[in-house]
Amino acid sequence: MITAVQHYGFGVADRDKSWAFYRKLGFDVPMSLNHSYATRMEPVVGGDYERKVVIAANLLGGATLELYEYTSTDPMPFPVDWRWGDPGMSASALKVPDINRALELFTDSPGTVIAGPMPWPARPEWKAALIRDPDDLLIYLVEVPDMSYSLRRDGERVGGAIFPTIAVTDMERSLHFYRDILDYKDIVYDWKGSDPMLASIPGGESSMRRVLLHDPKPPTSFYSFYLDRGWIELVEVEGSKGPHIYHGRRWGDIGQMEICFDVHDIGATFEELKRRGAEPVLEPNTDDFDMGHGSTALFAYFVDPDGTMIELAEATRLKFTDKISIDLRKRKPGKPLPRWLMKMSRLNRYKEK
């Protein structure tokens, strides 16, 4: 009952500063804006903390990004001794129509670009670069031939997210989870070697195995205009590995903290994933959670075999304009919202004051 990859969640030090950076990359349509207490997450994080959140879409399509900042407590920094291959979300890949034009966005901030452009190690026909965001979180920009785009507009250089890179400690165990439990059954590539883009990243010089997974079923999300089932890349680095990037820290502290799947019937999906052997962390809420910006949702959590957080989210209401708001529970599951309606989200693009 997973319909698409909905968003990747990033814990950040300053939501507004981070969103300004990602708006430059095209994530300028707020699907959710919220400043409140995350009371439901108290069993997970150990306290009822206030936070500011934005979930922003990119009109070129692909998964959205959630930027999450604790405001009633200081977010804990990213581990200073982290090395590439330590378990957790290591990087996120965004799709770009033209890698060279995309990198022109950073001519005034050359320190943002870590490496590239160069061929993607597992697919030389792809071109890629590695950049860092304001919290030094790693972002791949990847140019894939024949990649689809929702609204290809002149001047747009970066699209939405296409896959997370999740470091694992046991590839076969993780393949069972993502392939057999979450149904990402197709193997796009299974590659071994070293990635020259990571030469300056601690541990990045190591030999590794990278497996890119895909769910072959067509997307059935209400938001199929933007979202699809996407890919999931797993990476296992040879040699010893440190603890999970969130070991000793809270979900929401600085780092790439979760991958979120859009679902129909969150209750039934939650029970089915438990039946298949997934480890639950937080059961679905029964009352609509106000996401801000006119949206409401239900959500629940699992963890993968290494402890990386997996969110399920079922949107229940979506606001397009001041006059158009849709109760998604009244729509037939699997029937996407019409393209003309989704295109109206252009009217909600962030406007600088």
Protein backbone atom coordinates (compact mmCIF):
# COMPACT_ATOMS: atom_id res chain seq x y z
CA MET A 1 0.00 0.00 0.00
CA ILE A 2 3.02 2.27 -0.38
CA THR A 3 2.16 4.63 -3.25
CA ALA A 4 5.30 6.79 -3.60
CA VAL A 5 8.28 8.27 -1.80
CA GLN A 6 6.86 11.44 -0.24
CA HIS A 7 9.80 13.22 1.39
CA TYR A 8 13.23 12.97 2.97
CA GLY A 9 13.53 14.55 6.41
CA PHE A 10 16.53 16.67 7.39
CA GLY A 11 17.23 17.92 10.89
CA VAL A 12 18.73 21.39 10.54
CA ALA A 13 20.16 24.13 12.76
CA ASP A 14 18.14 26.95 11.18
CA ARG A 15 15.05 26.07 9.15
CA ASP A 16 14.78 29.48 7.48
CA LYS A 17 18.42 29.52 6.43
CA SER A 18 18.23 25.97 5.11
CA TRP A 19 14.99 26.62 3.25
CA ALA A 20 16.54 29.67 1.57
CA PHE A 21 19.30 27.34 0.31
CA TYR A 22 16.85 24.72 -0.95
CA ARG A 23 14.57 27.32 -2.53
CA LYS A 24 17.59 28.21 -4.65
CA LEU A 25 17.44 24.57 -5.75
CA GLY A 26 13.73 24.83 -6.60
CA PHE A 27 12.04 23.61 -3.41
CA ASP A 28 9.80 26.67 -3.20
CA VAL A 29 6.26 25.27 -2.89
CA PRO A 30 5.41 24.78 0.82
CA MET A 31 3.15 21.75 1.27
CA SER A 32 3.36 22.14 5.05
CA LEU A 33 4.48 24.99 7.31
CA ASN A 34 4.29 24.28 11.00
CA HIS A 35 5.57 25.74 14.27
CA SER A 36 4.29 23.74 17.21
CA TYR A 37 5.16 21.02 19.72
CA ALA A 38 5.89 17.54 18.36
CA THR A 39 3.97 15.85 21.17
CA ARG A 40 3.35 12.60 19.27
CA MET A 41 7.11 12.11 18.85
CA GLU A 42 7.76 12.28 22.62
CA PRO A 43 8.02 8.46 22.93
CA VAL A 44 10.70 8.52 20.22
CA VAL A 45 12.77 11.58 21.18
CA GLY A 46 12.25 11.57 24.95
CA GLY A 47 10.58 14.96 25.33
CA ASP A 48 7.83 17.25 24.11
CA TYR A 49 9.89 19.68 22.04
CA GLU A 50 8.83 22.70 20.05
CA ARG A 51 9.98 22.75 16.43
CA LYS A 52 9.65 24.59 13.13
CA VAL A 53 9.06 22.54 10.01
CA VAL A 54 8.61 23.10 6.30
CA ILE A 55 7.88 20.40 3.73
CA ALA A 56 8.60 21.90 0.33
CA ALA A 57 7.94 20.54 -3.15
CA ASN A 58 9.91 21.10 -6.33
CA LEU A 59 7.76 21.79 -9.39
CA LEU A 60 10.04 19.70 -11.60
CA GLY A 61 8.84 16.64 -9.67
CA GLY A 62 10.50 14.15 -7.36
CA ALA A 63 10.25 13.65 -3.62
CA THR A 64 9.81 16.70 -1.40
CA LEU A 65 12.15 17.77 1.43
CA GLU A 66 11.25 18.26 5.09
CA LEU A 67 13.43 20.71 7.05
CA TYR A 68 13.02 20.29 10.80
CA GLU A 69 14.47 22.62 13.46
CA TYR A 70 14.13 22.23 17.21
CA THR A 71 13.30 25.62 18.76
CA SER A 72 12.74 24.85 22.45
CA THR A 73 16.05 23.00 22.72
CA ASP A 74 19.33 23.19 20.87
CA PRO A 75 19.66 20.54 18.15
CA MET A 76 22.64 18.29 18.70
CA PRO A 77 25.32 18.69 16.00
CA PHE A 78 26.24 16.08 13.45
CA PRO A 79 28.84 13.60 14.82
CA VAL A 80 32.34 15.02 14.34
CA ASP A 81 33.83 11.51 14.02
CA TRP A 82 31.38 10.34 11.34
CA ARG A 83 32.81 8.42 8.40
CA TRP A 84 31.22 7.44 5.11
CA GLY A 85 29.71 4.00 5.67
CA ASP A 86 28.54 4.63 9.24
CA PRO A 87 24.90 3.48 9.19
CA GLY A 88 22.14 5.96 8.43
CA MET A 89 21.18 8.30 5.61
CA SER A 90 24.50 9.49 4.20
CA ALA A 91 23.33 11.60 1.24
CA SER A 92 20.34 12.44 -0.91
CA ALA A 93 20.27 12.69 -4.70
CA LEU A 94 18.36 15.40 -6.59
CA LYS A 95 17.65 15.17 -10.31
CA VAL A 96 18.96 17.85 -12.66
CA PRO A 97 18.26 18.36 -16.38
CA ASP A 98 21.80 19.67 -17.01
CA ILE A 99 24.55 19.19 -14.43
CA ASN A 100 26.71 22.05 -15.72
CA ARG A 101 23.84 24.55 -15.61
CA ALA A 102 22.90 23.33 -12.14
CA LEU A 103 26.41 24.00 -10.84
CA GLU A 104 26.20 27.57 -12.11
CA LEU A 105 23.92 28.19 -9.13
CA PHE A 106 27.02 28.08 -6.92
CA THR A 107 29.42 30.35 -8.78
CA ASP A 108 29.13 32.82 -5.90
CA SER A 109 29.67 30.10 -3.26
CA PRO A 110 32.32 27.73 -4.65
CA GLY A 111 32.77 26.08 -1.25
CA THR A 112 29.35 24.51 -1.67
CA VAL A 113 30.61 22.21 -4.43
CA ILE A 114 32.68 19.31 -3.09
CA ALA A 115 33.33 17.40 -6.32
CA GLY A 116 32.20 17.00 -9.90
CA PRO A 117 30.81 17.03 -12.40
CA MET A 118 31.93 13.53 -13.26
CA PRO A 119 30.39 10.20 -14.29
CA TRP A 120 28.28 8.40 -11.67
CA PRO A 121 30.46 5.45 -10.65
CA ALA A 122 27.80 2.77 -11.08
CA ARG A 123 26.29 4.30 -14.24
CA PRO A 124 28.92 6.17 -16.31
CA GLU A 125 26.22 7.55 -18.64
CA TRP A 126 24.88 9.53 -15.68
CA LYS A 127 26.66 12.73 -14.64
CA ALA A 128 26.81 13.91 -11.05
CA ALA A 129 28.29 16.34 -8.57
CA LEU A 130 28.45 16.38 -4.78
CA ILE A 131 27.53 19.51 -2.83
CA ARG A 132 27.01 20.44 0.83
CA ASP A 133 24.07 22.30 2.35
CA PRO A 134 24.29 24.89 5.21
CA ASP A 135 24.63 22.08 7.78
CA ASP A 136 27.26 20.23 5.68
CA LEU A 137 24.72 17.54 4.78
CA LEU A 138 25.68 15.79 1.54
CA ILE A 139 23.59 16.25 -1.61
CA TYR A 140 24.21 14.60 -4.96
CA LEU A 141 23.06 16.39 -8.10
CA VAL A 142 22.48 13.69 -10.73
CA GLU A 143 21.78 14.11 -14.44
CA VAL A 144 20.04 10.96 -15.69
CA PRO A 145 19.30 10.64 -19.42
CA ASP A 146 15.54 10.52 -20.19
CA MET A 147 14.60 11.45 -16.62
CA SER A 148 11.00 12.72 -16.41
CA TYR A 149 10.11 16.19 -15.15
CA SER A 150 6.69 17.52 -14.16
CA LEU A 151 6.94 21.18 -15.15
CA ARG A 152 10.08 21.74 -17.13
CA ARG A 153 10.40 25.52 -17.15
CA ASP A 154 13.09 27.69 -18.65
CA GLY A 155 15.65 28.66 -16.06
CA GLU A 156 14.91 25.78 -13.66
CA ARG A 157 18.10 23.90 -12.90
CA VAL A 158 17.36 21.37 -10.12
CA GLY A 159 14.44 19.01 -9.58
CA GLY A 160 13.19 17.01 -6.63
CA ALA A 161 14.77 14.10 -4.78
CA ILE A 162 15.21 10.81 -6.64
CA PHE A 163 16.94 8.56 -4.11
CA PRO A 164 18.49 8.52 -0.64
CA THR A 165 21.84 6.87 -0.07
CA ILE A 166 21.44 4.78 3.08
CA ALA A 167 24.56 3.27 4.63
CA VAL A 168 24.03 -0.23 6.02
CA THR A 169 26.12 -2.71 7.98
CA ASP A 170 24.85 -5.90 6.30
CA MET A 171 23.79 -5.55 2.67
CA GLU A 172 21.91 -8.84 2.45
CA ARG A 173 19.94 -8.13 5.61
CA SER A 174 19.06 -4.64 4.36
CA LEU A 175 18.15 -5.94 0.91
CA HIS A 176 15.64 -8.23 2.58
CA PHE A 177 14.07 -5.24 4.33
CA TYR A 178 13.88 -2.83 1.40
CA ARG A 179 13.30 -5.41 -1.33
CA ASP A 180 11.11 -8.03 0.36
CA ILE A 181 9.30 -6.00 3.02
CA LEU A 182 8.97 -2.60 1.31
CA ASP A 183 8.68 -4.11 -2.22
CA TYR A 184 11.59 -2.26 -3.87
CA LYS A 185 12.27 -5.44 -5.81
CA ASP A 186 14.04 -4.32 -8.99
CA ILE A 187 17.85 -3.99 -8.85
CA VAL A 188 18.90 -1.06 -11.09
CA TYR A 189 22.57 -1.73 -10.35
CA ASP A 190 24.73 -3.75 -7.98
CA TRP A 191 28.20 -2.21 -8.12
CA LYS A 192 31.48 -2.50 -6.21
CA GLY A 193 34.35 -0.03 -6.20
CA SER A 194 35.30 3.41 -4.91
CA ASP A 195 33.64 6.73 -5.67
CA PRO A 196 36.08 9.51 -6.66
CA MET A 197 33.50 12.13 -5.70
CA LEU A 198 33.95 11.04 -2.08
CA ALA A 199 37.74 11.34 -2.01
CA SER A 200 37.66 14.29 0.42
CA ILE A 201 34.93 12.78 2.66
CA PRO A 202 36.12 10.86 5.76
CA GLY A 203 36.01 7.19 4.81
CA GLY A 204 35.02 8.04 1.25
CA GLU A 205 38.15 6.51 -0.22
CA SER A 206 37.05 3.04 0.91
CA SER A 207 35.83 0.32 -1.41
CA MET A 208 32.08 -0.14 -1.18
CA ARG A 209 29.11 -2.00 -2.58
CA ARG A 210 26.23 0.12 -3.86
CA VAL A 211 22.83 -1.32 -4.77
CA LEU A 212 20.09 0.83 -6.29
CA LEU A 213 16.57 -0.53 -5.81
CA HIS A 214 13.34 0.38 -7.60
CA ASP A 215 9.69 -0.51 -7.02
CA PRO A 216 8.47 -1.46 -10.51
CA LYS A 217 4.80 -0.79 -9.83
CA PRO A 218 3.33 2.43 -11.29
CA PRO A 219 2.81 5.21 -8.73
CA THR A 220 -0.68 5.37 -7.26
CA SER A 221 -0.26 8.46 -5.10
CA PHE A 222 -2.78 11.30 -5.24
CA TYR A 223 0.31 13.37 -6.06
CA SER A 224 1.55 11.27 -8.97
CA PHE A 225 2.07 14.49 -10.92
CA TYR A 226 5.06 15.15 -8.61
CA LEU A 227 5.79 11.93 -6.77
CA ASP A 228 6.74 8.46 -7.95
CA ARG A 229 8.03 5.37 -6.22
CA GLY A 230 11.58 6.56 -6.68
CA TRP A 231 14.76 4.61 -6.03
CA ILE A 232 16.58 3.64 -2.84
CA GLU A 233 20.36 3.28 -2.82
CA LEU A 234 22.02 1.12 -0.19
CA VAL A 235 25.77 1.36 0.41
CA GLU A 236 27.96 -0.96 2.46
CA VAL A 237 31.58 0.07 3.01
CA GLU A 238 34.30 -2.51 3.55
CA GLY A 239 35.88 -2.60 6.99
CA SER A 240 34.70 -1.56 10.45
CA LYS A 241 31.85 0.89 10.85
CA GLY A 242 30.92 3.31 13.57
CA PRO A 243 27.55 3.59 15.32
CA HIS A 244 24.42 4.86 13.60
CA ILE A 245 24.56 8.59 12.92
CA TYR A 246 21.70 9.09 15.41
CA HIS A 247 23.22 6.93 18.15
CA GLY A 248 23.09 9.02 21.32
CA ARG A 249 21.16 11.79 19.55
CA ARG A 250 17.48 12.47 18.89
CA TRP A 251 15.56 12.08 15.68
CA GLY A 252 15.41 15.70 14.46
CA ASP A 253 18.93 16.59 15.54
CA ILE A 254 21.16 17.71 12.67
CA GLY A 255 21.40 15.11 9.94
CA GLN A 256 19.41 13.30 7.29
CA MET A 257 16.95 11.63 9.59
CA GLU A 258 14.26 9.75 7.66
CA ILE A 259 12.71 8.62 4.41
CA CYS A 260 8.93 9.00 4.27
CA PHE A 261 6.59 6.92 2.12
CA ASP A 262 3.18 8.13 0.98
CA VAL A 263 0.53 5.46 1.72
CA HIS A 264 -3.15 4.68 1.35
CA ASP A 265 -4.82 3.25 4.47
CA ILE A 266 -2.05 3.77 6.97
CA GLY A 267 -3.59 1.41 9.52
CA ALA A 268 -3.67 -1.56 7.15
CA THR A 269 -0.22 -0.72 5.77
CA PHE A 270 1.23 -0.53 9.27
CA GLU A 271 -0.19 -3.94 10.18
CA GLU A 272 1.00 -5.53 6.93
CA LEU A 273 4.55 -4.27 7.40
CA LYS A 274 4.56 -5.62 10.95
CA ARG A 275 3.34 -8.96 9.61
CA ARG A 276 6.23 -8.99 7.14
CA GLY A 277 8.71 -8.44 9.96
CA ALA A 278 9.34 -4.67 10.04
CA GLU A 279 10.11 -3.25 13.51
CA PRO A 280 7.50 -0.64 14.55
CA VAL A 281 8.42 2.47 16.51
CA LEU A 282 5.26 4.57 16.59
CA GLU A 283 1.71 3.48 15.74
CA PRO A 284 -0.50 5.58 13.44
CA ASN A 285 -2.40 8.48 14.98
CA THR A 286 -6.18 8.32 14.68
CA ASP A 287 -6.88 12.07 14.73
CA ASP A 288 -5.76 14.33 11.91
CA PHE A 289 -2.47 16.06 12.63
CA ASP A 290 -2.38 19.70 11.54
CA MET A 291 0.62 20.09 9.25
CA GLY A 292 0.04 23.81 8.79
CA HIS A 293 -0.64 25.54 5.48
CA GLY A 294 -4.07 23.90 5.35
CA SER A 295 -2.84 20.29 5.29
CA THR A 296 -3.58 17.42 7.66
CA ALA A 297 -2.14 13.90 7.84
CA LEU A 298 -1.74 10.63 9.72
CA PHE A 299 1.73 9.19 10.27
CA ALA A 300 3.58 6.23 11.79
CA TYR A 301 7.19 5.01 12.09
CA PHE A 302 9.32 1.91 11.63
CA VAL A 303 13.08 1.45 11.62
CA ASP A 304 15.22 -0.44 9.13
CA PRO A 305 17.62 -3.17 10.37
CA ASP A 306 20.27 -0.57 11.32
CA GLY A 307 17.85 1.83 13.00
CA THR A 308 17.25 4.34 10.19
CA MET A 309 13.79 5.85 10.57
CA ILE A 310 11.10 4.98 8.03
CA GLU A 311 7.97 7.14 8.12
CA LEU A 312 4.56 6.30 6.68
CA ALA A 313 2.33 9.29 5.93
CA GLU A 314 -1.27 9.38 4.76
CA ALA A 315 -2.37 12.88 3.79
CA THR A 316 -6.00 13.49 4.70
CA ARG A 317 -6.52 17.07 3.52
CA LEU A 318 -4.67 19.23 1.04
CA LYS A 319 -5.12 22.95 0.47
CA PHE A 320 -4.28 24.32 -2.98
CA THR A 321 -5.56 27.88 -2.74
CA ASP A 322 -7.59 29.91 -0.26
CA LYS A 323 -10.74 28.60 -1.98
CA ILE A 324 -9.73 25.05 -2.91
CA SER A 325 -9.19 22.44 -0.21
CA ILE A 326 -9.72 18.70 -0.76
CA ASP A 327 -10.62 15.99 1.74
CA LEU A 328 -8.49 13.17 0.34
CA ARG A 329 -10.39 10.48 2.26
CA LYS A 330 -13.33 11.09 -0.06
CA ARG A 331 -11.28 10.31 -3.16
CA LYS A 332 -10.90 6.85 -4.66
CA PRO A 333 -7.54 5.31 -3.65
CA GLY A 334 -5.12 5.09 -6.55
CA LYS A 335 -6.78 7.86 -8.52
CA PRO A 336 -4.34 10.77 -8.80
CA LEU A 337 -5.43 14.36 -8.52
CA PRO A 338 -5.88 15.92 -11.97
CA ARG A 339 -2.85 17.57 -13.53
CA TRP A 340 -4.59 20.92 -13.90
CA LEU A 341 -5.24 20.98 -10.15
CA MET A 342 -1.69 20.00 -9.26
CA LYS A 343 -0.39 22.71 -11.57
CA MET A 344 -2.25 25.26 -9.45
CA SER A 345 0.35 24.69 -6.74
CA ARG A 346 2.51 27.08 -8.79
CA LEU A 347 0.35 29.81 -7.27
CA ASN A 348 1.69 28.86 -3.83
CA ARG A 349 5.36 29.30 -4.67
CA TYR A 350 7.25 31.19 -1.99
CA LYS A 351 7.58 34.87 -2.74
CA GLU A 352 10.42 36.86 -1.24
CA LYS A 353 9.13 39.70 0.94
